[in-house]
C-alpha cells in the first residue's frame, strides 16, 4: 500500500496524472491542495483523511490505469488513496507545484 509520484514536482498549469494500479485491490488518487504534509491530514474515527481542498480524483481498478487531467496552481498537494483503511496504511505522498 503506497503511492509514488514521478516526478514529485511540476510547473503550475495543466498537469496530467497517469495513474497505474499495480495492486490487487481497487484504489483511488485524490489530489488535495493543503499546507499539511500528506501523512499529517486530519482523519475521522474510521481513519479516512479530510479531503478539504480536493481538486480532483480518479478511481483505478486492480491492474488498470487511468488519467487525471487537472489545472493546478502553485503550492503543496497531498496525493492520497482515501478508500477505507488505505490512507491509514500509508497510501499518500507529497507533491509540489511550482
PDB file of N, CA and C in Angstrom:
ATOM      1  N   UNK A   1       0.843  -1.174   0.000  1.00  0.00           N
ATOM      2  CA  UNK A   1       0.000   0.000   0.000  1.00  0.00           C
ATOM      3  C   UNK A   1       0.888   1.238   0.000  1.00  0.00           C
ATOM      4  N   UNK A   2       1.056   1.817  -1.179  1.00  0.00           N
ATOM      5  CA  UNK A   2       1.903   3.005  -1.306  1.00  0.00           C
ATOM      6  C   UNK A   2       1.492   3.789  -2.543  1.00  0.00           C
ATOM      7  N   UNK A   3       1.792   5.069  -2.518  1.00  0.00           N
ATOM      8  CA  UNK A   3       1.635   5.943  -3.681  1.00  0.00           C
ATOM      9  C   UNK A   3       2.989   6.591  -3.927  1.00  0.00           C
ATOM     10  N   UNK A   4       3.397   6.625  -5.174  1.00  0.00           N
ATOM     11  CA  UNK A   4       4.613   7.354  -5.523  1.00  0.00           C
ATOM     12  C   UNK A   4       4.310   8.231  -6.724  1.00  0.00           C
ATOM     13  N   UNK A   5       4.997   9.363  -6.785  1.00  0.00           N
ATOM     14  CA  UNK A   5       4.822  10.295  -7.903  1.00  0.00           C
ATOM     15  C   UNK A   5       6.184  10.542  -8.537  1.00  0.00           C
ATOM     16  N   UNK A   6       6.232  10.434  -9.845  1.00  0.00           N
ATOM     17  CA  UNK A   6       7.467  10.689 -10.566  1.00  0.00           C
ATOM     18  C   UNK A   6       7.128  11.497 -11.817  1.00  0.00           C
ATOM     19  N   UNK A   7       7.548  12.750 -11.868  1.00  0.00           N
ATOM     20  CA  UNK A   7       8.332  13.472 -10.872  1.00  0.00           C
ATOM     21  C   UNK A   7       7.458  13.863  -9.677  1.00  0.00           C
ATOM     22  N   UNK A   8       8.083  14.363  -8.598  1.00  0.00           N
ATOM     23  CA  UNK A   8       7.311  14.762  -7.423  1.00  0.00           C
ATOM     24  C   UNK A   8       7.060  16.267  -7.378  1.00  0.00           C
ATOM     25  N   UNK A   9       7.426  16.960  -8.477  1.00  0.00           N
ATOM     26  CA  UNK A   9       7.103  18.381  -8.610  1.00  0.00           C
ATOM     27  C   UNK A   9       6.983  18.727 -10.091  1.00  0.00           C
ATOM     28  N   UNK A  10       6.107  19.698 -10.372  1.00  0.00           N
ATOM     29  CA  UNK A  10       5.867  20.151 -11.746  1.00  0.00           C
ATOM     30  C   UNK A  10       5.610  21.649 -11.729  1.00  0.00           C
ATOM     31  N   UNK A  11       5.594  22.240 -12.924  1.00  0.00           N
ATOM     32  CA  UNK A  11       5.246  23.654 -13.055  1.00  0.00           C
ATOM     33  C   UNK A  11       3.729  23.804 -12.996  1.00  0.00           C
ATOM     34  N   UNK A  12       3.279  24.961 -12.499  1.00  0.00           N
ATOM     35  CA  UNK A  12       1.850  25.263 -12.428  1.00  0.00           C
ATOM     36  C   UNK A  12       1.233  25.251 -13.825  1.00  0.00           C
ATOM     37  N   UNK A  13      -0.031  24.888 -13.870  1.00  0.00           N
ATOM     38  CA  UNK A  13      -0.761  24.834 -15.132  1.00  0.00           C
ATOM     39  C   UNK A  13      -1.410  23.477 -15.318  1.00  0.00           C
ATOM     40  N   UNK A  14      -1.508  23.051 -16.566  1.00  0.00           N
ATOM     41  CA  UNK A  14      -2.127  21.766 -16.869  1.00  0.00           C
ATOM     42  C   UNK A  14      -1.208  20.628 -16.442  1.00  0.00           C
ATOM     43  N   UNK A  15      -1.751  19.722 -15.637  1.00  0.00           N
ATOM     44  CA  UNK A  15      -0.989  18.578 -15.138  1.00  0.00           C
ATOM     45  C   UNK A  15      -1.778  17.309 -15.429  1.00  0.00           C
ATOM     46  N   UNK A  16      -1.117  16.338 -16.054  1.00  0.00           N
ATOM     47  CA  UNK A  16      -1.750  15.045 -16.344  1.00  0.00           C
ATOM     48  C   UNK A  16      -1.132  13.994 -15.429  1.00  0.00           C
ATOM     49  N   UNK A  17      -1.959  13.375 -14.603  1.00  0.00           N
ATOM     50  CA  UNK A  17      -1.518  12.271 -13.759  1.00  0.00           C
ATOM     51  C   UNK A  17      -1.850  10.975 -14.475  1.00  0.00           C
ATOM     52  N   UNK A  18      -0.838  10.195 -14.828  1.00  0.00           N
ATOM     53  CA  UNK A  18      -1.033   8.862 -15.382  1.00  0.00           C
ATOM     54  C   UNK A  18      -0.975   7.910 -14.200  1.00  0.00           C
ATOM     55  N   UNK A  19      -2.115   7.367 -13.821  1.00  0.00           N
ATOM     56  CA  UNK A  19      -2.247   6.584 -12.598  1.00  0.00           C
ATOM     57  C   UNK A  19      -2.309   5.101 -12.947  1.00  0.00           C
ATOM     58  N   UNK A  20      -1.382   4.321 -12.392  1.00  0.00           N
ATOM     59  CA  UNK A  20      -1.350   2.874 -12.613  1.00  0.00           C
ATOM     60  C   UNK A  20      -1.522   2.172 -11.281  1.00  0.00           C
ATOM     61  N   UNK A  21      -2.448   1.233 -11.239  1.00  0.00           N
ATOM     62  CA  UNK A  21      -2.697   0.447 -10.041  1.00  0.00           C
ATOM     63  C   UNK A  21      -2.047  -0.919 -10.228  1.00  0.00           C
ATOM     64  N   UNK A  22      -0.899  -1.124  -9.602  1.00  0.00           N
ATOM     65  CA  UNK A  22      -0.192  -2.394  -9.690  1.00  0.00           C
ATOM     66  C   UNK A  22      -0.650  -3.391  -8.635  1.00  0.00           C
ATOM     67  N   UNK A  23      -1.620  -3.011  -7.822  1.00  0.00           N
ATOM     68  CA  UNK A  23      -2.065  -3.857  -6.721  1.00  0.00           C
ATOM     69  C   UNK A  23      -3.196  -4.800  -7.101  1.00  0.00           C
ATOM     70  N   UNK A  24      -3.691  -5.484  -6.074  1.00  0.00           N
ATOM     71  CA  UNK A  24      -4.790  -6.441  -6.251  1.00  0.00           C
ATOM     72  C   UNK A  24      -6.123  -5.898  -5.779  1.00  0.00           C
ATOM     73  N   UNK A  25      -6.140  -4.645  -5.308  1.00  0.00           N
ATOM     74  CA  UNK A  25      -7.348  -4.007  -4.805  1.00  0.00           C
ATOM     75  C   UNK A  25      -7.641  -2.741  -5.602  1.00  0.00           C
ATOM     76  N   UNK A  26      -8.893  -2.311  -5.606  1.00  0.00           N
ATOM     77  CA  UNK A  26      -9.246  -1.024  -6.189  1.00  0.00           C
ATOM     78  C   UNK A  26      -8.581   0.076  -5.355  1.00  0.00           C
ATOM     79  N   UNK A  27      -8.111   1.123  -6.018  1.00  0.00           N
ATOM     80  CA  UNK A  27      -7.542   2.287  -5.343  1.00  0.00           C
ATOM     81  C   UNK A  27      -8.097   3.553  -5.993  1.00  0.00           C
ATOM     82  N   UNK A  28      -7.775   4.676  -5.391  1.00  0.00           N
ATOM     83  CA  UNK A  28      -8.136   5.969  -5.968  1.00  0.00           C
ATOM     84  C   UNK A  28      -6.981   6.922  -5.756  1.00  0.00           C
ATOM     85  N   UNK A  29      -6.946   7.949  -6.564  1.00  0.00           N
ATOM     86  CA  UNK A  29      -5.991   9.033  -6.368  1.00  0.00           C
ATOM     87  C   UNK A  29      -6.815  10.288  -6.133  1.00  0.00           C
ATOM     88  N   UNK A  30      -6.664  10.871  -4.947  1.00  0.00           N
ATOM     89  CA  UNK A  30      -7.314  12.132  -4.609  1.00  0.00           C
ATOM     90  C   UNK A  30      -6.206  13.171  -4.481  1.00  0.00           C
ATOM     91  N   UNK A  31      -6.356  14.301  -5.175  1.00  0.00           N
ATOM     92  CA  UNK A  31      -5.360  15.379  -5.149  1.00  0.00           C
ATOM     93  C   UNK A  31      -5.915  16.488  -4.254  1.00  0.00           C
ATOM     94  N   UNK A  32      -5.220  16.738  -3.140  1.00  0.00           N
ATOM     95  CA  UNK A  32      -5.690  17.689  -2.134  1.00  0.00           C
ATOM     96  C   UNK A  32      -4.675  18.822  -1.996  1.00  0.00           C
ATOM     97  N   UNK A  33      -5.112  20.064  -2.244  1.00  0.00           N
ATOM     98  CA  UNK A  33      -4.236  21.230  -2.035  1.00  0.00           C
ATOM     99  C   UNK A  33      -4.273  21.557  -0.548  1.00  0.00           C
ATOM    100  N   UNK A  34      -3.099  21.517   0.083  1.00  0.00           N
ATOM    101  CA  UNK A  34      -3.021  21.702   1.530  1.00  0.00           C
ATOM    102  C   UNK A  34      -1.633  22.166   1.929  1.00  0.00           C
ATOM    103  N   UNK A  35      -1.533  22.818   3.075  1.00  0.00           N
ATOM    104  CA  UNK A  35      -0.233  23.184   3.621  1.00  0.00           C
ATOM    105  C   UNK A  35       0.335  22.079   4.506  1.00  0.00           C
ATOM    106  N   UNK A  36      -0.484  21.079   4.816  1.00  0.00           N
ATOM    107  CA  UNK A  36      -0.043  19.973   5.669  1.00  0.00           C
ATOM    108  C   UNK A  36       0.704  18.918   4.857  1.00  0.00           C
ATOM    109  N   UNK A  37       1.635  18.216   5.507  1.00  0.00           N
ATOM    110  CA  UNK A  37       2.296  17.068   4.882  1.00  0.00           C
ATOM    111  C   UNK A  37       1.228  16.026   4.573  1.00  0.00           C
ATOM    112  N   UNK A  38       1.447  15.241   3.533  1.00  0.00           N
ATOM    113  CA  UNK A  38       0.459  14.253   3.112  1.00  0.00           C
ATOM    114  C   UNK A  38       0.088  13.288   4.229  1.00  0.00           C
ATOM    115  N   UNK A  39       1.042  12.924   5.074  1.00  0.00           N
ATOM    116  CA  UNK A  39       0.778  11.994   6.158  1.00  0.00           C
ATOM    117  C   UNK A  39       0.196  12.625   7.402  1.00  0.00           C
ATOM    118  N   UNK A  40      -0.002  13.961   7.369  1.00  0.00           N
ATOM    119  CA  UNK A  40      -0.496  14.677   8.549  1.00  0.00           C
ATOM    120  C   UNK A  40      -1.909  15.228   8.382  1.00  0.00           C
ATOM    121  N   UNK A  41      -2.661  14.763   7.389  1.00  0.00           N
ATOM    122  CA  UNK A  41      -4.028  15.245   7.209  1.00  0.00           C
ATOM    123  C   UNK A  41      -4.884  14.762   8.374  1.00  0.00           C
ATOM    124  N   UNK A  42      -5.829  15.587   8.828  1.00  0.00           N
ATOM    125  CA  UNK A  42      -6.719  15.138   9.897  1.00  0.00           C
ATOM    126  C   UNK A  42      -7.543  13.937   9.413  1.00  0.00           C
ATOM    127  N   UNK A  43      -7.833  13.019  10.313  1.00  0.00           N
ATOM    128  CA  UNK A  43      -8.639  11.848   9.971  1.00  0.00           C
ATOM    129  C   UNK A  43      -9.843  11.744  10.898  1.00  0.00           C
ATOM    130  N   UNK A  44     -10.874  11.060  10.417  1.00  0.00           N
ATOM    131  CA  UNK A  44     -12.034  10.812  11.265  1.00  0.00           C
ATOM    132  C   UNK A  44     -11.827   9.492  12.016  1.00  0.00           C
ATOM    133  N   UNK A  45     -12.820   9.071  12.765  1.00  0.00           N
ATOM    134  CA  UNK A  45     -12.710   7.865  13.590  1.00  0.00           C
ATOM    135  C   UNK A  45     -12.436   6.611  12.767  1.00  0.00           C
ATOM    136  N   UNK A  46     -12.852   6.621  11.498  1.00  0.00           N
ATOM    137  CA  UNK A  46     -12.648   5.447  10.644  1.00  0.00           C
ATOM    138  C   UNK A  46     -11.270   5.458   9.975  1.00  0.00           C
ATOM    139  N   UNK A  47     -10.512   6.560  10.160  1.00  0.00           N
ATOM    140  CA  UNK A  47      -9.195   6.666   9.543  1.00  0.00           C
ATOM    141  C   UNK A  47      -9.205   7.328   8.183  1.00  0.00           C
ATOM    142  N   UNK A  48     -10.375   7.787   7.750  1.00  0.00           N
ATOM    143  CA  UNK A  48     -10.474   8.470   6.459  1.00  0.00           C
ATOM    144  C   UNK A  48      -9.924   9.890   6.597  1.00  0.00           C
ATOM    145  N   UNK A  49      -9.061  10.290   5.655  1.00  0.00           N
ATOM    146  CA  UNK A  49      -8.441  11.614   5.689  1.00  0.00           C
ATOM    147  C   UNK A  49      -9.426  12.696   5.259  1.00  0.00           C
ATOM    148  N   UNK A  50      -9.245  13.870   5.826  1.00  0.00           N
ATOM    149  CA  UNK A  50     -10.035  15.044   5.454  1.00  0.00           C
ATOM    150  C   UNK A  50      -9.656  15.452   4.037  1.00  0.00           C
ATOM    151  N   UNK A  51     -10.624  15.524   3.139  1.00  0.00           N
ATOM    152  CA  UNK A  51     -10.374  15.875   1.742  1.00  0.00           C
ATOM    153  C   UNK A  51     -10.613  17.352   1.445  1.00  0.00           C
ATOM    154  N   UNK A  52     -10.684  18.193   2.478  1.00  0.00           N
ATOM    155  CA  UNK A  52     -10.844  19.628   2.254  1.00  0.00           C
ATOM    156  C   UNK A  52      -9.699  20.118   1.382  1.00  0.00           C
ATOM    157  N   UNK A  53     -10.026  20.805   0.309  1.00  0.00           N
ATOM    158  CA  UNK A  53      -9.019  21.275  -0.632  1.00  0.00           C
ATOM    159  C   UNK A  53      -8.854  20.356  -1.833  1.00  0.00           C
ATOM    160  N   UNK A  54      -9.680  19.288  -1.907  1.00  0.00           N
ATOM    161  CA  UNK A  54      -9.592  18.363  -3.042  1.00  0.00           C
ATOM    162  C   UNK A  54      -9.864  19.096  -4.350  1.00  0.00           C
ATOM    163  N   UNK A  55      -9.001  18.844  -5.336  1.00  0.00           N
ATOM    164  CA  UNK A  55      -9.160  19.478  -6.648  1.00  0.00           C
ATOM    165  C   UNK A  55      -9.485  18.457  -7.735  1.00  0.00           C
ATOM    166  N   UNK A  56      -9.539  17.179  -7.361  1.00  0.00           N
ATOM    167  CA  UNK A  56      -9.890  16.149  -8.335  1.00  0.00           C
ATOM    168  C   UNK A  56      -9.506  14.774  -7.843  1.00  0.00           C
ATOM    169  N   UNK A  57     -10.135  13.763  -8.455  1.00  0.00           N
ATOM    170  CA  UNK A  57      -9.818  12.389  -8.090  1.00  0.00           C
ATOM    171  C   UNK A  57     -10.217  11.434  -9.202  1.00  0.00           C
ATOM    172  N   UNK A  58      -9.620  10.241  -9.145  1.00  0.00           N
ATOM    173  CA  UNK A  58      -9.966   9.181 -10.076  1.00  0.00           C
ATOM    174  C   UNK A  58      -9.858   7.849  -9.350  1.00  0.00           C
ATOM    175  N   UNK A  59     -10.713   6.909  -9.701  1.00  0.00           N
ATOM    176  CA  UNK A  59     -10.632   5.555  -9.153  1.00  0.00           C
ATOM    177  C   UNK A  59     -10.007   4.649 -10.197  1.00  0.00           C
ATOM    178  N   UNK A  60      -9.215   3.669  -9.717  1.00  0.00           N
ATOM    179  CA  UNK A  60      -8.500   2.774 -10.627  1.00  0.00           C
ATOM    180  C   UNK A  60      -8.666   1.342 -10.120  1.00  0.00           C
ATOM    181  N   UNK A  61      -9.216   0.494 -10.964  1.00  0.00           N
ATOM    182  CA  UNK A  61      -9.383  -0.911 -10.609  1.00  0.00           C
ATOM    183  C   UNK A  61      -8.023  -1.614 -10.572  1.00  0.00           C
ATOM    184  N   UNK A  62      -7.951  -2.728  -9.877  1.00  0.00           N
ATOM    185  CA  UNK A  62      -6.714  -3.514  -9.771  1.00  0.00           C
ATOM    186  C   UNK A  62      -6.190  -3.857 -11.159  1.00  0.00           C
ATOM    187  N   UNK A  63      -4.894  -3.611 -11.380  1.00  0.00           N
ATOM    188  CA  UNK A  63      -4.248  -3.950 -12.637  1.00  0.00           C
ATOM    189  C   UNK A  63      -4.564  -3.021 -13.790  1.00  0.00           C
ATOM    190  N   UNK A  64      -5.263  -1.919 -13.534  1.00  0.00           N
ATOM    191  CA  UNK A  64      -5.644  -1.000 -14.607  1.00  0.00           C
ATOM    192  C   UNK A  64      -4.980   0.356 -14.439  1.00  0.00           C
ATOM    193  N   UNK A  65      -5.194   1.231 -15.423  1.00  0.00           N
ATOM    194  CA  UNK A  65      -4.635   2.585 -15.412  1.00  0.00           C
ATOM    195  C   UNK A  65      -5.727   3.600 -15.689  1.00  0.00           C
ATOM    196  N   UNK A  66      -5.459   4.834 -15.320  1.00  0.00           N
ATOM    197  CA  UNK A  66      -6.395   5.932 -15.533  1.00  0.00           C
ATOM    198  C   UNK A  66      -5.582   7.206 -15.704  1.00  0.00           C
ATOM    199  N   UNK A  67      -6.182   8.225 -16.285  1.00  0.00           N
ATOM    200  CA  UNK A  67      -5.526   9.520 -16.395  1.00  0.00           C
ATOM    201  C   UNK A  67      -6.414  10.561 -15.739  1.00  0.00           C
ATOM    202  N   UNK A  68      -5.790  11.451 -14.979  1.00  0.00           N
ATOM    203  CA  UNK A  68      -6.488  12.545 -14.326  1.00  0.00           C
ATOM    204  C   UNK A  68      -5.830  13.836 -14.779  1.00  0.00           C
ATOM    205  N   UNK A  69      -6.580  14.666 -15.496  1.00  0.00           N
ATOM    206  CA  UNK A  69      -6.065  15.939 -16.013  1.00  0.00           C
ATOM    207  C   UNK A  69      -6.612  17.079 -15.169  1.00  0.00           C
ATOM    208  N   UNK A  70      -5.711  17.873 -14.605  1.00  0.00           N
ATOM    209  CA  UNK A  70      -6.096  18.981 -13.738  1.00  0.00           C
ATOM    210  C   UNK A  70      -5.306  20.227 -14.093  1.00  0.00           C
ATOM    211  N   UNK A  71      -5.862  21.385 -13.762  1.00  0.00           N
ATOM    212  CA  UNK A  71      -5.145  22.658 -13.863  1.00  0.00           C
ATOM    213  C   UNK A  71      -4.792  23.023 -12.427  1.00  0.00           C
ATOM    214  N   UNK A  72      -3.486  22.980 -12.102  1.00  0.00           N
ATOM    215  CA  UNK A  72      -3.052  23.181 -10.724  1.00  0.00           C
ATOM    216  C   UNK A  72      -2.291  24.488 -10.551  1.00  0.00           C
ATOM    217  N   UNK A  73      -2.637  25.184  -9.465  1.00  0.00           N
ATOM    218  CA  UNK A  73      -1.922  26.397  -9.067  1.00  0.00           C
ATOM    219  C   UNK A  73      -0.693  26.000  -8.256  1.00  0.00           C
ATOM    220  N   UNK A  74       0.251  26.908  -8.161  1.00  0.00           N
ATOM    221  CA  UNK A  74       1.453  26.649  -7.364  1.00  0.00           C
ATOM    222  C   UNK A  74       1.056  26.356  -5.921  1.00  0.00           C
ATOM    223  N   UNK A  75       1.789  25.451  -5.298  1.00  0.00           N
ATOM    224  CA  UNK A  75       1.533  25.124  -3.899  1.00  0.00           C
ATOM    225  C   UNK A  75       1.857  23.683  -3.584  1.00  0.00           C
ATOM    226  N   UNK A  76       1.519  23.287  -2.373  1.00  0.00           N
ATOM    227  CA  UNK A  76       1.751  21.923  -1.900  1.00  0.00           C
ATOM    228  C   UNK A  76       0.456  21.121  -2.022  1.00  0.00           C
ATOM    229  N   UNK A  77       0.600  19.879  -2.449  1.00  0.00           N
ATOM    230  CA  UNK A  77      -0.543  18.979  -2.603  1.00  0.00           C
ATOM    231  C   UNK A  77      -0.234  17.651  -1.920  1.00  0.00           C
ATOM    232  N   UNK A  78      -1.279  17.012  -1.421  1.00  0.00           N
ATOM    233  CA  UNK A  78      -1.181  15.649  -0.909  1.00  0.00           C
ATOM    234  C   UNK A  78      -1.871  14.749  -1.927  1.00  0.00           C
ATOM    235  N   UNK A  79      -1.191  13.698  -2.343  1.00  0.00           N
ATOM    236  CA  UNK A  79      -1.790  12.696  -3.222  1.00  0.00           C
ATOM    237  C   UNK A  79      -2.120  11.516  -2.324  1.00  0.00           C
ATOM    238  N   UNK A  80      -3.412  11.154  -2.239  1.00  0.00           N
ATOM    239  CA  UNK A  80      -3.827  10.122  -1.290  1.00  0.00           C
ATOM    240  C   UNK A  80      -4.798   9.130  -1.927  1.00  0.00           C
ATOM    241  N   UNK A  81      -4.834   7.935  -1.352  1.00  0.00           N
ATOM    242  CA  UNK A  81      -5.919   6.992  -1.601  1.00  0.00           C
ATOM    243  C   UNK A  81      -6.739   7.004  -0.323  1.00  0.00           C
ATOM    244  N   UNK A  82      -8.017   7.334  -0.433  1.00  0.00           N
ATOM    245  CA  UNK A  82      -8.852   7.503   0.755  1.00  0.00           C
ATOM    246  C   UNK A  82      -9.933   6.441   0.854  1.00  0.00           C
ATOM    247  N   UNK A  83      -9.742   5.320   0.160  1.00  0.00           N
ATOM    248  CA  UNK A  83     -10.669   4.210   0.340  1.00  0.00           C
ATOM    249  C   UNK A  83     -10.466   3.657   1.750  1.00  0.00           C
ATOM    250  N   UNK A  84     -11.467   2.999   2.333  1.00  0.00           N
ATOM    251  CA  UNK A  84     -11.377   2.559   3.733  1.00  0.00           C
ATOM    252  C   UNK A  84     -10.074   1.821   4.053  1.00  0.00           C
ATOM    253  N   UNK A  85      -9.328   2.385   5.026  1.00  0.00           N
ATOM    254  CA  UNK A  85      -8.101   1.780   5.511  1.00  0.00           C
ATOM    255  C   UNK A  85      -6.852   2.079   4.706  1.00  0.00           C
ATOM    256  N   UNK A  86      -6.990   2.604   3.496  1.00  0.00           N
ATOM    257  CA  UNK A  86      -5.838   2.791   2.620  1.00  0.00           C
ATOM    258  C   UNK A  86      -4.946   3.953   3.061  1.00  0.00           C
ATOM    259  N   UNK A  87      -5.546   5.093   3.430  1.00  0.00           N
ATOM    260  CA  UNK A  87      -4.737   6.231   3.883  1.00  0.00           C
ATOM    261  C   UNK A  87      -3.966   5.841   5.138  1.00  0.00           C
ATOM    262  N   UNK A  88      -4.657   5.219   6.084  1.00  0.00           N
ATOM    263  CA  UNK A  88      -4.025   4.808   7.336  1.00  0.00           C
ATOM    264  C   UNK A  88      -2.899   3.800   7.095  1.00  0.00           C
ATOM    265  N   UNK A  89      -3.003   3.018   6.019  1.00  0.00           N
ATOM    266  CA  UNK A  89      -1.975   2.025   5.688  1.00  0.00           C
ATOM    267  C   UNK A  89      -0.764   2.638   4.981  1.00  0.00           C
ATOM    268  N   UNK A  90      -0.816   3.960   4.715  1.00  0.00           N
ATOM    269  CA  UNK A  90       0.346   4.650   4.137  1.00  0.00           C
ATOM    270  C   UNK A  90       0.223   5.035   2.679  1.00  0.00           C
ATOM    271  N   UNK A  91      -0.991   5.056   2.149  1.00  0.00           N
ATOM    272  CA  UNK A  91      -1.165   5.428   0.738  1.00  0.00           C
ATOM    273  C   UNK A  91      -1.311   6.943   0.598  1.00  0.00           C
ATOM    274  N   UNK A  92      -0.176   7.616   0.656  1.00  0.00           N
ATOM    275  CA  UNK A  92      -0.116   9.061   0.478  1.00  0.00           C
ATOM    276  C   UNK A  92       1.315   9.464   0.115  1.00  0.00           C
ATOM    277  N   UNK A  93       1.413  10.602  -0.559  1.00  0.00           N
ATOM    278  CA  UNK A  93       2.721  11.183  -0.849  1.00  0.00           C
ATOM    279  C   UNK A  93       2.545  12.686  -1.061  1.00  0.00           C
ATOM    280  N   UNK A  94       3.631  13.428  -0.869  1.00  0.00           N
ATOM    281  CA  UNK A  94       3.627  14.878  -1.084  1.00  0.00           C
ATOM    282  C   UNK A  94       3.947  15.181  -2.535  1.00  0.00           C
ATOM    283  N   UNK A  95       3.374  16.289  -3.038  1.00  0.00           N
ATOM    284  CA  UNK A  95       3.547  16.702  -4.418  1.00  0.00           C
ATOM    285  C   UNK A  95       3.619  18.220  -4.442  1.00  0.00           C
ATOM    286  N   UNK A  96       4.558  18.775  -5.194  1.00  0.00           N
ATOM    287  CA  UNK A  96       4.752  20.222  -5.238  1.00  0.00           C
ATOM    288  C   UNK A  96       4.496  20.756  -6.648  1.00  0.00           C
ATOM    289  N   UNK A  97       3.756  21.870  -6.707  1.00  0.00           N
ATOM    290  CA  UNK A  97       3.547  22.571  -7.967  1.00  0.00           C
ATOM    291  C   UNK A  97       4.217  23.941  -7.808  1.00  0.00           C
ATOM    292  N   UNK A  98       5.147  24.234  -8.738  1.00  0.00           N
ATOM    293  CA  UNK A  98       5.944  25.474  -8.650  1.00  0.00           C
ATOM    294  C   UNK A  98       5.393  26.546  -9.539  1.00  0.00           C
TER     295      UNK A  98
END
